[in-house]
Structure formats: structure tokens, C-alpha cells
Amino acid sequence: MNNSTQEPDRFLREAEVAHITGLSRTTRWRLERRGEFPRRRSISCNAVAWLASEVRAWMTERAEVA
């Protein structure tokens, strides 16, 4: 895929990651600790987020396994 058609990367906050993955906060936390879900990033002293590209890649990988 070339860069002109690729969606730009952005940060996803908690509610959006929960919505698009269908996973609860606790389930994602457990998967993250086991290295099975993308790691969150601190974007300020009181906020964390995930990179959209990493979440999309994780979802694509899971779809291929199923």
C-alpha cells in the first residue's frame, strides 16, 4: 500500500480502542502485559493512548488467525 492511500497514524484513546476492538479495559491490560496487545503510550502526565497503526495491525493479525 502506498503512503498516499494509507490513513495517517494517530493516537486512539481508551473509549475508541474499546469500541473498535470490542475488548474491555481489563482484557486489553492483561493482553498488553503478556505482550499480546500493543503497548499504550503516555501522551501527557494524565493520559495514555495507543497508535492506530499498531491497533489496526493487531486486529489484522487476529483476523488472519481466526
Protein backbone atom coordinates (compact mmCIF):
# COMPACT_ATOMS: atom_id res chain seq x y z
CA MET A 1 0.00 0.00 0.00
CA ASN A 2 1.47 3.38 -0.85
CA ASN A 3 1.54 6.32 1.54
CA SER A 4 -0.98 8.39 -0.45
CA THR A 5 -3.80 5.92 0.25
CA GLN A 6 -2.73 4.95 3.77
CA GLU A 7 -4.59 6.51 6.68
CA PRO A 8 -2.31 8.79 8.71
CA ASP A 9 -1.30 7.45 12.11
CA ARG A 10 -2.95 8.94 15.15
CA PHE A 11 -3.44 8.30 18.83
CA LEU A 12 -6.51 6.38 19.96
CA ARG A 13 -7.84 6.98 23.46
CA GLU A 14 -9.40 4.40 25.77
CA ALA A 15 -13.03 4.66 24.64
CA GLU A 16 -12.16 4.39 20.95
CA VAL A 17 -9.85 1.39 21.46
CA ALA A 18 -12.58 -0.33 23.49
CA HIS A 19 -15.11 0.40 20.74
CA ILE A 20 -13.06 -0.79 17.79
CA THR A 21 -11.60 -3.91 19.46
CA GLY A 22 -14.66 -4.94 21.44
CA LEU A 23 -12.38 -5.75 24.38
CA SER A 24 -12.78 -4.48 27.91
CA ARG A 25 -10.10 -2.40 29.58
CA THR A 26 -9.12 -5.31 31.82
CA THR A 27 -8.82 -7.78 28.96
CA ARG A 28 -6.65 -5.38 26.96
CA TRP A 29 -4.49 -4.72 30.04
CA ARG A 30 -3.95 -8.47 30.53
CA LEU A 31 -3.11 -8.99 26.86
CA GLU A 32 -0.77 -5.99 26.94
CA ARG A 33 1.10 -7.35 29.96
CA ARG A 34 1.61 -10.66 28.14
CA GLY A 35 2.88 -8.84 25.04
CA GLU A 36 -0.20 -9.84 23.03
CA PHE A 37 -1.67 -6.35 22.52
CA PRO A 38 0.05 -3.09 21.53
CA ARG A 39 1.54 -1.13 24.41
CA ARG A 40 -0.09 2.08 25.48
CA ARG A 41 1.89 5.29 25.34
CA SER A 42 1.85 8.18 27.76
CA ILE A 43 0.81 11.27 25.83
CA SER A 44 0.70 13.57 28.87
CA CYS A 45 1.06 13.22 32.61
CA ASN A 46 -2.55 12.01 32.93
CA ALA A 47 -3.35 10.49 29.54
CA VAL A 48 -2.45 7.34 27.65
CA ALA A 49 -3.22 6.30 24.09
CA TRP A 50 -2.45 3.63 21.51
CA LEU A 51 -1.12 4.14 18.00
CA ALA A 52 -3.89 3.46 15.49
CA SER A 53 -1.46 1.65 13.16
CA GLU A 54 -0.48 -0.81 15.89
CA VAL A 55 -4.10 -1.50 16.85
CA ARG A 56 -5.03 -1.99 13.16
CA ALA A 57 -2.08 -4.39 12.71
CA TRP A 58 -3.13 -6.33 15.81
CA MET A 59 -6.70 -6.60 14.51
CA THR A 60 -5.49 -7.75 11.07
CA GLU A 61 -3.28 -10.39 12.69
CA ARG A 62 -6.17 -11.66 14.81
CA ALA A 63 -8.48 -11.83 11.77
CA GLU A 64 -5.93 -13.94 9.89
CA VAL A 65 -5.61 -16.41 12.76
CA ALA A 66 -9.38 -16.93 13.09
